[in-house]
Amino acid sequence: MIINPKEKRDLKKTCKRLAIFLVFAFIFDGFIAFLFYSYTKISDVLCGFIIIVITSVLYLLFYLICAKIDKKKAERIARENKRDPFSKN
């Protein structure tokens, strides 16, 4: 199975975004876990569930922001392609 260049570029961009999210999420989750274990007396299972829920919500927000950025970029590219390069506008 051969991947065309556009699919390869999209896959590379998606992987890069996911890697950036995972780095920040790992650091943030570690901080939250440290706070839960240090200052509260909740069970380990509940702490893990809370961290999973927080990470899921953050990923949903991250995904929606990335989708909005991609949509704006596609609109800008489409608008620039329709513009006449020889006009003053």
C-alpha atoms as a PDB file:
ATOM      1  CA  MET A   1       0.000   0.000   0.000  1.00  0.00           C
ATOM      2  CA  ILE A   2       1.485   3.313  -1.098  1.00  0.00           C
ATOM      3  CA  ILE A   3       0.686   6.593   0.632  1.00  0.00           C
ATOM      4  CA  ASN A   4       0.393   9.632  -1.594  1.00  0.00           C
ATOM      5  CA  PRO A   5       2.290  12.810  -0.596  1.00  0.00           C
ATOM      6  CA  LYS A   6      -0.791  14.664   0.715  1.00  0.00           C
ATOM      7  CA  GLU A   7      -1.725  11.788   3.036  1.00  0.00           C
ATOM      8  CA  LYS A   8       1.872  11.503   4.197  1.00  0.00           C
ATOM      9  CA  ARG A   9       2.005  15.241   4.969  1.00  0.00           C
ATOM     10  CA  ASP A  10      -1.293  15.082   6.886  1.00  0.00           C
ATOM     11  CA  LEU A  11      -0.145  12.017   8.823  1.00  0.00           C
ATOM     12  CA  LYS A  12       3.140  13.689   9.722  1.00  0.00           C
ATOM     13  CA  LYS A  13       1.328  16.836  10.906  1.00  0.00           C
ATOM     14  CA  THR A  14      -1.107  14.782  12.989  1.00  0.00           C
ATOM     15  CA  CYS A  15       1.696  12.763  14.581  1.00  0.00           C
ATOM     16  CA  LYS A  16       3.626  15.922  15.419  1.00  0.00           C
ATOM     17  CA  ARG A  17       0.574  17.496  17.043  1.00  0.00           C
ATOM     18  CA  LEU A  18      -0.127  14.327  19.012  1.00  0.00           C
ATOM     19  CA  ALA A  19       3.471  14.165  20.228  1.00  0.00           C
ATOM     20  CA  ILE A  20       3.315  17.778  21.412  1.00  0.00           C
ATOM     21  CA  PHE A  21       0.043  17.100  23.232  1.00  0.00           C
ATOM     22  CA  LEU A  22       1.392  13.945  24.866  1.00  0.00           C
ATOM     23  CA  VAL A  23       4.462  15.725  26.209  1.00  0.00           C
ATOM     24  CA  PHE A  24       2.425  18.502  27.810  1.00  0.00           C
ATOM     25  CA  ALA A  25      -0.289  16.090  29.005  1.00  0.00           C
ATOM     26  CA  PHE A  26       2.304  13.806  30.627  1.00  0.00           C
ATOM     27  CA  ILE A  27       3.827  16.730  32.533  1.00  0.00           C
ATOM     28  CA  PHE A  28       0.411  18.097  33.552  1.00  0.00           C
ATOM     29  CA  ASP A  29      -0.869  14.665  34.603  1.00  0.00           C
ATOM     30  CA  GLY A  30       2.258  14.036  36.629  1.00  0.00           C
ATOM     31  CA  PHE A  31       1.731  17.324  38.437  1.00  0.00           C
ATOM     32  CA  ILE A  32      -1.925  16.520  39.146  1.00  0.00           C
ATOM     33  CA  ALA A  33      -1.030  13.017  40.365  1.00  0.00           C
ATOM     34  CA  PHE A  34       1.609  14.502  42.665  1.00  0.00           C
ATOM     35  CA  LEU A  35      -0.952  16.919  44.109  1.00  0.00           C
ATOM     36  CA  PHE A  36      -3.524  14.161  44.616  1.00  0.00           C
ATOM     37  CA  TYR A  37      -1.084  11.825  46.332  1.00  0.00           C
ATOM     38  CA  SER A  38       0.483  14.532  48.464  1.00  0.00           C
ATOM     39  CA  TYR A  39      -2.498  16.541  49.648  1.00  0.00           C
ATOM     40  CA  THR A  40      -5.566  14.273  49.452  1.00  0.00           C
ATOM     41  CA  LYS A  41      -6.512  10.917  50.853  1.00  0.00           C
ATOM     42  CA  ILE A  42      -8.456   9.588  47.855  1.00  0.00           C
ATOM     43  CA  SER A  43      -7.870   6.089  46.528  1.00  0.00           C
ATOM     44  CA  ASP A  44      -5.394   5.369  43.748  1.00  0.00           C
ATOM     45  CA  VAL A  45      -8.139   4.141  41.407  1.00  0.00           C
ATOM     46  CA  LEU A  46     -10.172   7.327  41.790  1.00  0.00           C
ATOM     47  CA  CYS A  47      -7.050   9.428  41.262  1.00  0.00           C
ATOM     48  CA  GLY A  48      -6.280   7.542  38.049  1.00  0.00           C
ATOM     49  CA  PHE A  49      -9.860   7.908  36.837  1.00  0.00           C
ATOM     50  CA  ILE A  50      -9.805  11.673  37.474  1.00  0.00           C
ATOM     51  CA  ILE A  51      -6.530  12.006  35.580  1.00  0.00           C
ATOM     52  CA  ILE A  52      -7.934  10.025  32.635  1.00  0.00           C
ATOM     53  CA  VAL A  53     -11.055  12.213  32.531  1.00  0.00           C
ATOM     54  CA  ILE A  54      -9.015  15.427  32.705  1.00  0.00           C
ATOM     55  CA  THR A  55      -6.694  14.223  29.943  1.00  0.00           C
ATOM     56  CA  SER A  56      -9.642  13.216  27.756  1.00  0.00           C
ATOM     57  CA  VAL A  57     -11.272  16.624  28.125  1.00  0.00           C
ATOM     58  CA  LEU A  58      -7.980  18.375  27.393  1.00  0.00           C
ATOM     59  CA  TYR A  59      -7.459  16.243  24.277  1.00  0.00           C
ATOM     60  CA  LEU A  60     -10.972  17.044  23.070  1.00  0.00           C
ATOM     61  CA  LEU A  61     -10.277  20.764  23.469  1.00  0.00           C
ATOM     62  CA  PHE A  62      -6.896  20.370  21.765  1.00  0.00           C
ATOM     63  CA  TYR A  63      -8.501  18.489  18.862  1.00  0.00           C
ATOM     64  CA  LEU A  64     -11.225  21.123  18.424  1.00  0.00           C
ATOM     65  CA  ILE A  65      -8.669  23.943  18.456  1.00  0.00           C
ATOM     66  CA  CYS A  66      -6.526  22.146  15.856  1.00  0.00           C
ATOM     67  CA  ALA A  67      -9.598  21.530  13.676  1.00  0.00           C
ATOM     68  CA  LYS A  68     -10.521  25.200  13.864  1.00  0.00           C
ATOM     69  CA  ILE A  69      -6.967  26.223  12.938  1.00  0.00           C
ATOM     70  CA  ASP A  70      -6.986  23.842   9.963  1.00  0.00           C
ATOM     71  CA  LYS A  71     -10.350  25.187   8.799  1.00  0.00           C
ATOM     72  CA  LYS A  72      -9.154  28.805   9.000  1.00  0.00           C
ATOM     73  CA  LYS A  73      -5.983  27.883   7.130  1.00  0.00           C
ATOM     74  CA  ALA A  74      -7.970  26.154   4.358  1.00  0.00           C
ATOM     75  CA  GLU A  75     -10.262  29.182   4.057  1.00  0.00           C
ATOM     76  CA  ARG A  76      -7.282  31.538   3.867  1.00  0.00           C
ATOM     77  CA  ILE A  77      -5.603  29.435   1.184  1.00  0.00           C
ATOM     78  CA  ALA A  78      -8.838  29.257  -0.825  1.00  0.00           C
ATOM     79  CA  ARG A  79      -9.303  33.027  -0.505  1.00  0.00           C
ATOM     80  CA  GLU A  80      -5.723  33.699  -1.650  1.00  0.00           C
ATOM     81  CA  ASN A  81      -6.136  31.414  -4.660  1.00  0.00           C
ATOM     82  CA  LYS A  82      -9.253  33.314  -5.808  1.00  0.00           C
ATOM     83  CA  ARG A  83      -7.591  36.718  -5.557  1.00  0.00           C
ATOM     84  CA  ASP A  84      -6.203  38.250  -8.728  1.00  0.00           C
ATOM     85  CA  PRO A  85      -2.451  38.798  -8.303  1.00  0.00           C
ATOM     86  CA  PHE A  86      -2.488  41.814 -10.628  1.00  0.00           C
ATOM     87  CA  SER A  87      -5.149  43.817  -8.827  1.00  0.00           C
ATOM     88  CA  LYS A  88      -4.419  46.335  -6.085  1.00  0.00           C
ATOM     89  CA  ASN A  89      -6.666  44.587  -3.518  1.00  0.00           C
END
